[in-house]
Amino acid sequence: MSWRRVAEMMAIATAFAAAAFAMPARAADPVPGLKEMMGVYLGRATAKEHDTGATEERDIDVEVMPFERNGFRIRWVNVTLVDGKRNVPGVKRRVSELAFRPAKGARHFVEAPAVNLFAEREEAAPMGGDPVRWAVLDAAGLHVYSFVILDDGRYELQTYARKRAGTGMELRYERIVDGKLARSIEGRAVRIE
């Protein structure tokens, strides 16, 4: 790997780390548009592996909930189906959850680290493989980003875009490895009460 490439990756990581670890804002009012994103959404998505062209269907479950004063917690469940069914052998279920606090900037958020009362607080080490995560709320929706430097020196950027659409939400996920799109997921979910 060239020194120029290493310098580029260091610059990217430094910029992301600076954005992600900015001091939280002390806003008195909720971030505009965040309340409209809150809710529980159920739907279906199609995942595509771009190197092989393979696709798979997934049931999706997304919850966007308040967190602390003006932040949000997002929890999502992916159930990878087998021949369109979820009650057969081979089905996989994955649950993920992240919390975000407002950062400097009207519609920017940084990941809130998980609290463990029995462990010392450790700072994230982006150059050591720890992901840097942040979120942006804009007119196009809620976007969550995760950036990590891989063991072999390449980088991975994951983007999750969730956009309100009528009574539901449109979802798009992309996994980019060293500038190349590796996986994408597109789907739609309806809001449930």
C-alpha atoms as a PDB file:
ATOM      1  CA  MET A   1       0.000   0.000   0.000  1.00  0.00           C
ATOM      2  CA  SER A   2       1.397   3.412  -0.948  1.00  0.00           C
ATOM      3  CA  TRP A   3       2.105   6.150   1.596  1.00  0.00           C
ATOM      4  CA  ARG A   4      -0.350   8.352  -0.264  1.00  0.00           C
ATOM      5  CA  ARG A   5      -3.125   5.778   0.235  1.00  0.00           C
ATOM      6  CA  VAL A   6      -2.256   5.438   3.929  1.00  0.00           C
ATOM      7  CA  ALA A   7      -2.304   9.236   4.299  1.00  0.00           C
ATOM      8  CA  GLU A   8      -5.728   9.399   2.594  1.00  0.00           C
ATOM      9  CA  MET A   9      -7.160   6.758   4.921  1.00  0.00           C
ATOM     10  CA  MET A  10      -5.681   8.496   7.976  1.00  0.00           C
ATOM     11  CA  ALA A  11      -7.237  11.791   6.862  1.00  0.00           C
ATOM     12  CA  ILE A  12     -10.629  10.154   6.364  1.00  0.00           C
ATOM     13  CA  ALA A  13     -10.469   8.414   9.744  1.00  0.00           C
ATOM     14  CA  THR A  14      -9.371  11.599  11.501  1.00  0.00           C
ATOM     15  CA  ALA A  15     -12.203  13.613   9.943  1.00  0.00           C
ATOM     16  CA  PHE A  16     -14.786  10.996  10.882  1.00  0.00           C
ATOM     17  CA  ALA A  17     -13.412  10.651  14.397  1.00  0.00           C
ATOM     18  CA  ALA A  18     -13.480  14.418  14.904  1.00  0.00           C
ATOM     19  CA  ALA A  19     -17.106  14.566  13.751  1.00  0.00           C
ATOM     20  CA  ALA A  20     -18.137  11.582  15.812  1.00  0.00           C
ATOM     21  CA  PHE A  21     -16.554  12.701  19.067  1.00  0.00           C
ATOM     22  CA  ALA A  22     -17.667  16.329  18.961  1.00  0.00           C
ATOM     23  CA  MET A  23     -19.143  17.671  22.185  1.00  0.00           C
ATOM     24  CA  PRO A  24     -22.852  16.884  22.484  1.00  0.00           C
ATOM     25  CA  ALA A  25     -25.171  19.838  21.998  1.00  0.00           C
ATOM     26  CA  ARG A  26     -27.359  21.016  24.863  1.00  0.00           C
ATOM     27  CA  ALA A  27     -30.394  21.809  22.738  1.00  0.00           C
ATOM     28  CA  ALA A  28     -33.581  22.618  24.612  1.00  0.00           C
ATOM     29  CA  ASP A  29     -35.910  21.683  21.756  1.00  0.00           C
ATOM     30  CA  PRO A  30     -36.065  18.377  19.890  1.00  0.00           C
ATOM     31  CA  VAL A  31     -34.313  18.270  16.543  1.00  0.00           C
ATOM     32  CA  PRO A  32     -36.868  19.245  13.855  1.00  0.00           C
ATOM     33  CA  GLY A  33     -38.148  16.216  11.949  1.00  0.00           C
ATOM     34  CA  LEU A  34     -36.906  13.635  14.449  1.00  0.00           C
ATOM     35  CA  LYS A  35     -40.297  13.139  16.093  1.00  0.00           C
ATOM     36  CA  GLU A  36     -41.831  12.274  12.711  1.00  0.00           C
ATOM     37  CA  MET A  37     -39.284   9.444  12.294  1.00  0.00           C
ATOM     38  CA  MET A  38     -40.199   7.858  15.638  1.00  0.00           C
ATOM     39  CA  GLY A  39     -42.233   4.675  15.519  1.00  0.00           C
ATOM     40  CA  VAL A  40     -42.224   0.973  14.735  1.00  0.00           C
ATOM     41  CA  TYR A  41     -42.017  -0.177  11.113  1.00  0.00           C
ATOM     42  CA  LEU A  42     -42.430  -3.658   9.626  1.00  0.00           C
ATOM     43  CA  GLY A  43     -41.673  -4.677   6.066  1.00  0.00           C
ATOM     44  CA  ARG A  44     -39.587  -6.604   3.592  1.00  0.00           C
ATOM     45  CA  ALA A  45     -36.273  -5.954   1.835  1.00  0.00           C
ATOM     46  CA  THR A  46     -34.054  -7.503  -0.806  1.00  0.00           C
ATOM     47  CA  ALA A  47     -30.325  -7.846  -0.176  1.00  0.00           C
ATOM     48  CA  LYS A  48     -27.870  -8.083  -3.074  1.00  0.00           C
ATOM     49  CA  GLU A  49     -24.232  -9.183  -2.995  1.00  0.00           C
ATOM     50  CA  HIS A  50     -22.607  -7.137  -5.772  1.00  0.00           C
ATOM     51  CA  ASP A  51     -19.601  -9.375  -6.380  1.00  0.00           C
ATOM     52  CA  THR A  52     -21.740 -12.504  -7.014  1.00  0.00           C
ATOM     53  CA  GLY A  53     -25.133 -11.026  -7.911  1.00  0.00           C
ATOM     54  CA  ALA A  54     -26.791 -13.263  -5.296  1.00  0.00           C
ATOM     55  CA  THR A  55     -29.967 -11.925  -3.685  1.00  0.00           C
ATOM     56  CA  GLU A  56     -31.985 -12.850  -0.615  1.00  0.00           C
ATOM     57  CA  GLU A  57     -35.287 -11.716   0.863  1.00  0.00           C
ATOM     58  CA  ARG A  58     -35.551 -10.408   4.415  1.00  0.00           C
ATOM     59  CA  ASP A  59     -38.303  -9.466   6.795  1.00  0.00           C
ATOM     60  CA  ILE A  60     -37.365  -6.206   8.511  1.00  0.00           C
ATOM     61  CA  ASP A  61     -38.450  -4.637  11.770  1.00  0.00           C
ATOM     62  CA  VAL A  62     -37.246  -1.096  12.571  1.00  0.00           C
ATOM     63  CA  GLU A  63     -37.913   0.853  15.773  1.00  0.00           C
ATOM     64  CA  VAL A  64     -36.905   4.501  16.169  1.00  0.00           C
ATOM     65  CA  MET A  65     -37.367   5.610  19.797  1.00  0.00           C
ATOM     66  CA  PRO A  66     -36.425   8.631  21.914  1.00  0.00           C
ATOM     67  CA  PHE A  67     -33.106   8.488  23.758  1.00  0.00           C
ATOM     68  CA  GLU A  68     -32.167  10.842  26.588  1.00  0.00           C
ATOM     69  CA  ARG A  69     -33.260  14.451  25.974  1.00  0.00           C
ATOM     70  CA  ASN A  70     -32.983  14.967  22.226  1.00  0.00           C
ATOM     71  CA  GLY A  71     -31.404  11.816  20.881  1.00  0.00           C
ATOM     72  CA  PHE A  72     -32.769   8.625  19.424  1.00  0.00           C
ATOM     73  CA  ARG A  73     -32.296   4.893  19.705  1.00  0.00           C
ATOM     74  CA  ILE A  74     -32.683   2.738  16.619  1.00  0.00           C
ATOM     75  CA  ARG A  75     -33.220  -1.003  16.772  1.00  0.00           C
ATOM     76  CA  TRP A  76     -33.555  -3.198  13.731  1.00  0.00           C
ATOM     77  CA  VAL A  77     -34.192  -6.876  13.196  1.00  0.00           C
ATOM     78  CA  ASN A  78     -33.396  -8.672   9.935  1.00  0.00           C
ATOM     79  CA  VAL A  79     -34.826 -12.133   9.348  1.00  0.00           C
ATOM     80  CA  THR A  80     -33.206 -13.740   6.302  1.00  0.00           C
ATOM     81  CA  LEU A  81     -35.844 -15.916   4.658  1.00  0.00           C
ATOM     82  CA  VAL A  82     -35.448 -19.309   2.986  1.00  0.00           C
ATOM     83  CA  ASP A  83     -37.560 -19.570  -0.183  1.00  0.00           C
ATOM     84  CA  GLY A  84     -39.688 -16.697   1.109  1.00  0.00           C
ATOM     85  CA  LYS A  85     -40.438 -18.473   4.413  1.00  0.00           C
ATOM     86  CA  ARG A  86     -39.342 -17.771   7.957  1.00  0.00           C
ATOM     87  CA  ASN A  87     -40.472 -20.999   9.618  1.00  0.00           C
ATOM     88  CA  VAL A  88     -38.015 -23.413   7.984  1.00  0.00           C
ATOM     89  CA  PRO A  89     -34.438 -24.494   8.765  1.00  0.00           C
ATOM     90  CA  GLY A  90     -31.755 -22.100   7.570  1.00  0.00           C
ATOM     91  CA  VAL A  91     -33.547 -18.875   8.536  1.00  0.00           C
ATOM     92  CA  LYS A  92     -31.221 -16.339  10.183  1.00  0.00           C
ATOM     93  CA  ARG A  93     -32.217 -13.573  12.608  1.00  0.00           C
ATOM     94  CA  ARG A  94     -29.986 -10.613  13.426  1.00  0.00           C
ATOM     95  CA  VAL A  95     -30.765  -7.855  15.928  1.00  0.00           C
ATOM     96  CA  SER A  96     -28.826  -4.569  16.114  1.00  0.00           C
ATOM     97  CA  GLU A  97     -29.310  -1.486  18.246  1.00  0.00           C
ATOM     98  CA  LEU A  98     -27.560   1.882  18.463  1.00  0.00           C
ATOM     99  CA  ALA A  99     -28.229   5.075  20.405  1.00  0.00           C
ATOM    100  CA  PHE A 100     -27.320   8.602  19.283  1.00  0.00           C
ATOM    101  CA  ARG A 101     -27.041  11.973  21.033  1.00  0.00           C
ATOM    102  CA  PRO A 102     -27.211  15.395  19.390  1.00  0.00           C
ATOM    103  CA  ALA A 103     -23.826  16.785  18.373  1.00  0.00           C
ATOM    104  CA  LYS A 104     -22.777  20.258  17.397  1.00  0.00           C
ATOM    105  CA  GLY A 105     -24.762  21.094  14.311  1.00  0.00           C
ATOM    106  CA  ALA A 106     -28.526  21.274  14.072  1.00  0.00           C
ATOM    107  CA  ARG A 107     -29.185  17.816  12.675  1.00  0.00           C
ATOM    108  CA  HIS A 108     -26.071  15.803  13.493  1.00  0.00           C
ATOM    109  CA  PHE A 109     -25.810  13.034  16.066  1.00  0.00           C
ATOM    110  CA  VAL A 110     -22.974  10.936  17.488  1.00  0.00           C
ATOM    111  CA  GLU A 111     -23.179   7.395  18.783  1.00  0.00           C
ATOM    112  CA  ALA A 112     -23.753   7.168  22.521  1.00  0.00           C
ATOM    113  CA  PRO A 113     -21.407   4.527  23.912  1.00  0.00           C
ATOM    114  CA  ALA A 114     -22.989   1.601  25.720  1.00  0.00           C
ATOM    115  CA  VAL A 115     -22.887   2.034  29.492  1.00  0.00           C
ATOM    116  CA  ASN A 116     -21.241  -0.665  31.574  1.00  0.00           C
ATOM    117  CA  LEU A 117     -21.168   0.173  35.265  1.00  0.00           C
ATOM    118  CA  PHE A 118     -18.576  -2.553  35.921  1.00  0.00           C
ATOM    119  CA  ALA A 119     -15.951  -1.509  33.385  1.00  0.00           C
ATOM    120  CA  GLU A 120     -13.727   1.503  32.873  1.00  0.00           C
ATOM    121  CA  ARG A 121     -14.801   3.795  30.091  1.00  0.00           C
ATOM    122  CA  GLU A 122     -12.618   3.304  27.042  1.00  0.00           C
ATOM    123  CA  GLU A 123     -12.217   5.731  24.188  1.00  0.00           C
ATOM    124  CA  ALA A 124     -12.914   4.398  20.716  1.00  0.00           C
ATOM    125  CA  ALA A 125      -9.785   3.705  18.671  1.00  0.00           C
ATOM    126  CA  PRO A 126     -10.659   4.132  14.969  1.00  0.00           C
ATOM    127  CA  MET A 127      -7.137   3.210  13.870  1.00  0.00           C
ATOM    128  CA  GLY A 128      -7.444   0.067  16.012  1.00  0.00           C
ATOM    129  CA  GLY A 129     -10.552  -1.185  14.213  1.00  0.00           C
ATOM    130  CA  ASP A 130     -13.266   0.422  16.355  1.00  0.00           C
ATOM    131  CA  PRO A 131     -16.136   1.748  14.244  1.00  0.00           C
ATOM    132  CA  VAL A 132     -16.957   5.446  14.193  1.00  0.00           C
ATOM    133  CA  ARG A 133     -20.718   6.004  13.913  1.00  0.00           C
ATOM    134  CA  TRP A 134     -22.770   9.141  13.394  1.00  0.00           C
ATOM    135  CA  ALA A 135     -26.174  10.113  12.045  1.00  0.00           C
ATOM    136  CA  VAL A 136     -27.623  12.990  10.046  1.00  0.00           C
ATOM    137  CA  LEU A 137     -31.266  14.025   9.766  1.00  0.00           C
ATOM    138  CA  ASP A 138     -32.093  15.989   6.624  1.00  0.00           C
ATOM    139  CA  ALA A 139     -34.927  16.469   4.132  1.00  0.00           C
ATOM    140  CA  ALA A 140     -34.088  13.087   2.545  1.00  0.00           C
ATOM    141  CA  GLY A 141     -34.478  11.213   5.844  1.00  0.00           C
ATOM    142  CA  LEU A 142     -32.414   9.742   8.652  1.00  0.00           C
ATOM    143  CA  HIS A 143     -28.946   8.545   7.636  1.00  0.00           C
ATOM    144  CA  VAL A 144     -26.722   6.438   9.900  1.00  0.00           C
ATOM    145  CA  TYR A 145     -23.047   5.968   8.971  1.00  0.00           C
ATOM    146  CA  SER A 146     -20.487   3.480  10.270  1.00  0.00           C
ATOM    147  CA  PHE A 147     -16.825   3.791   9.258  1.00  0.00           C
ATOM    148  CA  VAL A 148     -14.127   1.278  10.173  1.00  0.00           C
ATOM    149  CA  ILE A 149     -10.548   0.585   9.121  1.00  0.00           C
ATOM    150  CA  LEU A 150     -10.172  -3.131   8.439  1.00  0.00           C
ATOM    151  CA  ASP A 151      -7.313  -5.350   9.640  1.00  0.00           C
ATOM    152  CA  ASP A 152      -5.747  -5.359   6.161  1.00  0.00           C
ATOM    153  CA  GLY A 153      -5.709  -1.532   5.998  1.00  0.00           C
ATOM    154  CA  ARG A 154      -8.703  -1.107   3.723  1.00  0.00           C
ATOM    155  CA  TYR A 155     -11.758   0.811   4.916  1.00  0.00           C
ATOM    156  CA  GLU A 156     -15.426  -0.061   5.158  1.00  0.00           C
ATOM    157  CA  LEU A 157     -18.273   2.445   5.116  1.00  0.00           C
ATOM    158  CA  GLN A 158     -21.817   1.344   5.848  1.00  0.00           C
ATOM    159  CA  THR A 159     -24.730   3.696   5.219  1.00  0.00           C
ATOM    160  CA  TYR A 160     -28.304   3.190   6.363  1.00  0.00           C
ATOM    161  CA  ALA A 161     -30.855   5.587   4.853  1.00  0.00           C
ATOM    162  CA  ARG A 162     -34.385   5.626   6.203  1.00  0.00           C
ATOM    163  CA  LYS A 163     -36.897   7.953   4.565  1.00  0.00           C
ATOM    164  CA  ARG A 164     -40.502   8.509   5.596  1.00  0.00           C
ATOM    165  CA  ALA A 165     -42.819   7.686   2.686  1.00  0.00           C
ATOM    166  CA  GLY A 166     -46.573   8.014   3.154  1.00  0.00           C
ATOM    167  CA  THR A 167     -47.592   5.667   5.971  1.00  0.00           C
ATOM    168  CA  GLY A 168     -44.239   3.960   6.068  1.00  0.00           C
ATOM    169  CA  MET A 169     -40.545   4.116   5.435  1.00  0.00           C
ATOM    170  CA  GLU A 170     -38.229   3.390   2.521  1.00  0.00           C
ATOM    171  CA  LEU A 171     -34.920   1.811   3.480  1.00  0.00           C
ATOM    172  CA  ARG A 172     -31.582   1.594   1.723  1.00  0.00           C
ATOM    173  CA  TYR A 173     -28.366   0.110   3.046  1.00  0.00           C
ATOM    174  CA  GLU A 174     -24.965   0.081   1.339  1.00  0.00           C
ATOM    175  CA  ARG A 175     -21.704  -1.547   2.374  1.00  0.00           C
ATOM    176  CA  ILE A 176     -18.725  -0.045   0.598  1.00  0.00           C
ATOM    177  CA  VAL A 177     -15.301  -1.669   0.981  1.00  0.00           C
ATOM    178  CA  ASP A 178     -12.329   0.390  -0.193  1.00  0.00           C
ATOM    179  CA  GLY A 179     -14.542   2.438  -2.529  1.00  0.00           C
ATOM    180  CA  LYS A 180     -16.379  -0.540  -4.075  1.00  0.00           C
ATOM    181  CA  LEU A 181     -20.055  -1.331  -3.426  1.00  0.00           C
ATOM    182  CA  ALA A 182     -20.103  -4.818  -1.891  1.00  0.00           C
ATOM    183  CA  ARG A 183     -23.699  -5.189  -0.660  1.00  0.00           C
ATOM    184  CA  SER A 184     -26.926  -3.243  -0.871  1.00  0.00           C
ATOM    185  CA  ILE A 185     -30.339  -3.742   0.676  1.00  0.00           C
ATOM    186  CA  GLU A 186     -33.513  -1.986  -0.440  1.00  0.00           C
ATOM    187  CA  GLY A 187     -36.905  -2.298   1.178  1.00  0.00           C
ATOM    188  CA  ARG A 188     -40.085  -0.731   2.356  1.00  0.00           C
ATOM    189  CA  ALA A 189     -41.839  -0.930   5.709  1.00  0.00           C
ATOM    190  CA  VAL A 190     -45.189   0.305   7.023  1.00  0.00           C
ATOM    191  CA  ARG A 191     -45.663   2.071  10.319  1.00  0.00           C
ATOM    192  CA  ILE A 192     -47.616   0.085  12.861  1.00  0.00           C
ATOM    193  CA  GLU A 193     -49.451   1.362  15.911  1.00  0.00           C
END
